[in-house]
Amino acid sequence: MTAIQSEWSLWTRDPEINGVLEVARELNIGFVPYSPLGRGLLKAMTSCQFLVLEIFNV
């Protein structure tokens, strides 16, 4: 095995808690995170902020 892919984001820290990162480090296996920005949650918040600014002409 050369790499492990798992969700690891601001809201999902499971690889840290369940020991996956530690084992990958010990066995020299790469770790490839997906959804590091929380599956677009930050983008959604930014879009909402722009919408509010546009509605109120700020």
N, C-alpha and C. Protein backbone atom coordinates (compact mmCIF):
# COMPACT_ATOMS: atom_id res chain seq x y z
N MET A 1 0.85 -1.16 0.00
CA MET A 1 0.00 0.00 0.00
C MET A 1 0.90 1.23 0.00
N THR A 2 0.58 2.19 -0.86
CA THR A 2 1.40 3.40 -0.94
C THR A 2 0.70 4.64 -0.42
N ALA A 3 -0.64 4.62 -0.38
CA ALA A 3 -1.37 5.79 0.10
C ALA A 3 -2.75 5.41 0.62
N ILE A 4 -3.24 6.23 1.54
CA ILE A 4 -4.58 6.09 2.10
C ILE A 4 -5.31 7.39 1.82
N GLN A 5 -6.56 7.28 1.37
CA GLN A 5 -7.36 8.48 1.16
C GLN A 5 -8.54 8.44 2.12
N SER A 6 -8.73 9.54 2.83
CA SER A 6 -9.82 9.62 3.80
C SER A 6 -10.25 11.07 3.95
N GLU A 7 -11.49 11.27 4.37
CA GLU A 7 -11.94 12.64 4.62
C GLU A 7 -11.21 13.18 5.85
N TRP A 8 -10.71 14.39 5.71
CA TRP A 8 -10.03 15.07 6.82
C TRP A 8 -10.23 16.55 6.58
N SER A 9 -11.02 17.18 7.41
CA SER A 9 -11.35 18.58 7.19
C SER A 9 -11.41 19.32 8.51
N LEU A 10 -11.83 20.56 8.44
CA LEU A 10 -11.98 21.36 9.65
C LEU A 10 -13.03 20.78 10.58
N TRP A 11 -13.99 20.05 10.02
CA TRP A 11 -15.08 19.50 10.82
C TRP A 11 -14.95 18.01 11.05
N THR A 12 -14.16 17.30 10.29
CA THR A 12 -13.99 15.86 10.43
C THR A 12 -12.53 15.56 10.71
N ARG A 13 -12.21 15.30 11.95
CA ARG A 13 -10.83 15.04 12.35
C ARG A 13 -10.60 13.56 12.64
N ASP A 14 -11.43 12.68 12.09
CA ASP A 14 -11.37 11.25 12.38
C ASP A 14 -9.98 10.62 12.20
N PRO A 15 -9.25 10.90 11.13
CA PRO A 15 -7.93 10.27 10.98
C PRO A 15 -6.97 10.56 12.14
N GLU A 16 -7.14 11.69 12.78
CA GLU A 16 -6.31 12.00 13.95
C GLU A 16 -6.77 11.20 15.16
N ILE A 17 -8.08 11.06 15.31
CA ILE A 17 -8.65 10.42 16.50
C ILE A 17 -8.52 8.91 16.45
N ASN A 18 -8.79 8.30 15.29
CA ASN A 18 -8.80 6.83 15.22
C ASN A 18 -7.42 6.22 14.94
N GLY A 19 -6.39 7.04 14.84
CA GLY A 19 -5.03 6.53 14.71
C GLY A 19 -4.55 6.28 13.29
N VAL A 20 -5.34 6.60 12.30
CA VAL A 20 -4.94 6.36 10.91
C VAL A 20 -3.68 7.14 10.55
N LEU A 21 -3.62 8.40 10.93
CA LEU A 21 -2.43 9.21 10.61
C LEU A 21 -1.18 8.66 11.28
N GLU A 22 -1.32 8.24 12.50
CA GLU A 22 -0.17 7.70 13.24
C GLU A 22 0.36 6.43 12.58
N VAL A 23 -0.53 5.52 12.22
CA VAL A 23 -0.12 4.27 11.56
C VAL A 23 0.49 4.55 10.19
N ALA A 24 -0.12 5.46 9.44
CA ALA A 24 0.42 5.81 8.12
C ALA A 24 1.84 6.36 8.26
N ARG A 25 2.05 7.19 9.25
CA ARG A 25 3.37 7.76 9.49
C ARG A 25 4.37 6.66 9.86
N GLU A 26 3.97 5.75 10.74
CA GLU A 26 4.86 4.66 11.18
C GLU A 26 5.24 3.74 10.02
N LEU A 27 4.29 3.47 9.12
CA LEU A 27 4.53 2.54 8.01
C LEU A 27 4.98 3.24 6.74
N ASN A 28 5.22 4.55 6.83
CA ASN A 28 5.66 5.35 5.69
C ASN A 28 4.68 5.25 4.51
N ILE A 29 3.38 5.37 4.85
CA ILE A 29 2.31 5.34 3.85
C ILE A 29 1.79 6.76 3.70
N GLY A 30 1.60 7.20 2.47
CA GLY A 30 1.09 8.55 2.22
C GLY A 30 -0.36 8.68 2.65
N PHE A 31 -0.73 9.88 3.04
CA PHE A 31 -2.12 10.16 3.42
C PHE A 31 -2.64 11.27 2.51
N VAL A 32 -3.74 10.97 1.79
CA VAL A 32 -4.32 11.92 0.86
C VAL A 32 -5.70 12.33 1.39
N PRO A 33 -5.80 13.54 1.95
CA PRO A 33 -7.10 13.96 2.48
C PRO A 33 -8.02 14.45 1.37
N TYR A 34 -9.32 14.25 1.57
CA TYR A 34 -10.27 14.89 0.66
C TYR A 34 -11.23 15.73 1.49
N SER A 35 -11.80 16.72 0.87
CA SER A 35 -12.71 17.69 1.50
C SER A 35 -12.02 18.50 2.60
N PRO A 36 -10.82 19.00 2.34
CA PRO A 36 -10.16 19.77 3.39
C PRO A 36 -10.88 21.06 3.76
N LEU A 37 -11.77 21.55 2.90
CA LEU A 37 -12.54 22.74 3.22
C LEU A 37 -13.99 22.42 3.58
N GLY A 38 -14.22 21.22 4.06
CA GLY A 38 -15.54 20.88 4.56
C GLY A 38 -16.62 20.75 3.50
N ARG A 39 -16.28 20.15 2.37
CA ARG A 39 -17.24 19.89 1.28
C ARG A 39 -17.95 21.14 0.79
N GLY A 40 -17.21 22.24 0.71
CA GLY A 40 -17.76 23.46 0.14
C GLY A 40 -18.50 24.33 1.14
N LEU A 41 -18.48 23.98 2.41
CA LEU A 41 -19.19 24.78 3.40
C LEU A 41 -18.66 26.20 3.44
N LEU A 42 -17.33 26.35 3.37
CA LEU A 42 -16.76 27.70 3.39
C LEU A 42 -17.17 28.48 2.14
N LYS A 43 -17.24 27.79 1.02
CA LYS A 43 -17.66 28.46 -0.21
C LYS A 43 -19.12 28.91 -0.09
N ALA A 44 -19.95 28.07 0.49
CA ALA A 44 -21.36 28.41 0.66
C ALA A 44 -21.51 29.64 1.55
N MET A 45 -20.71 29.71 2.62
CA MET A 45 -20.79 30.86 3.51
C MET A 45 -20.35 32.12 2.77
N THR A 46 -19.33 32.02 1.97
CA THR A 46 -18.86 33.17 1.23
C THR A 46 -19.91 33.63 0.23
N SER A 47 -20.55 32.69 -0.45
CA SER A 47 -21.60 33.04 -1.41
C SER A 47 -22.75 33.75 -0.72
N CYS A 48 -23.14 33.29 0.46
CA CYS A 48 -24.22 33.93 1.21
C CYS A 48 -23.84 35.35 1.61
N GLN A 49 -22.58 35.54 2.00
CA GLN A 49 -22.13 36.87 2.38
C GLN A 49 -22.23 37.82 1.20
N PHE A 50 -21.83 37.37 0.01
CA PHE A 50 -21.92 38.22 -1.18
C PHE A 50 -23.37 38.53 -1.51
N LEU A 51 -24.25 37.55 -1.33
CA LEU A 51 -25.67 37.75 -1.60
C LEU A 51 -26.24 38.82 -0.67
N VAL A 52 -25.90 38.76 0.60
CA VAL A 52 -26.38 39.76 1.56
C VAL A 52 -25.87 41.14 1.19
N LEU A 53 -24.61 41.24 0.84
CA LEU A 53 -24.04 42.51 0.45
C LEU A 53 -24.74 43.07 -0.79
N GLU A 54 -25.07 42.17 -1.73
CA GLU A 54 -25.72 42.60 -2.96
C GLU A 54 -27.16 43.07 -2.68
N ILE A 55 -27.87 42.35 -1.83
CA ILE A 55 -29.26 42.70 -1.52
C ILE A 55 -29.34 44.07 -0.83
N PHE A 56 -28.45 44.31 0.11
CA PHE A 56 -28.51 45.54 0.89
C PHE A 56 -27.62 46.64 0.33
N ASN A 57 -27.03 46.42 -0.85
CA ASN A 57 -26.18 47.40 -1.51
C ASN A 57 -25.10 47.96 -0.59
N VAL A 58 -24.45 47.05 0.10
CA VAL A 58 -23.38 47.48 1.03
C VAL A 58 -22.09 47.61 0.27
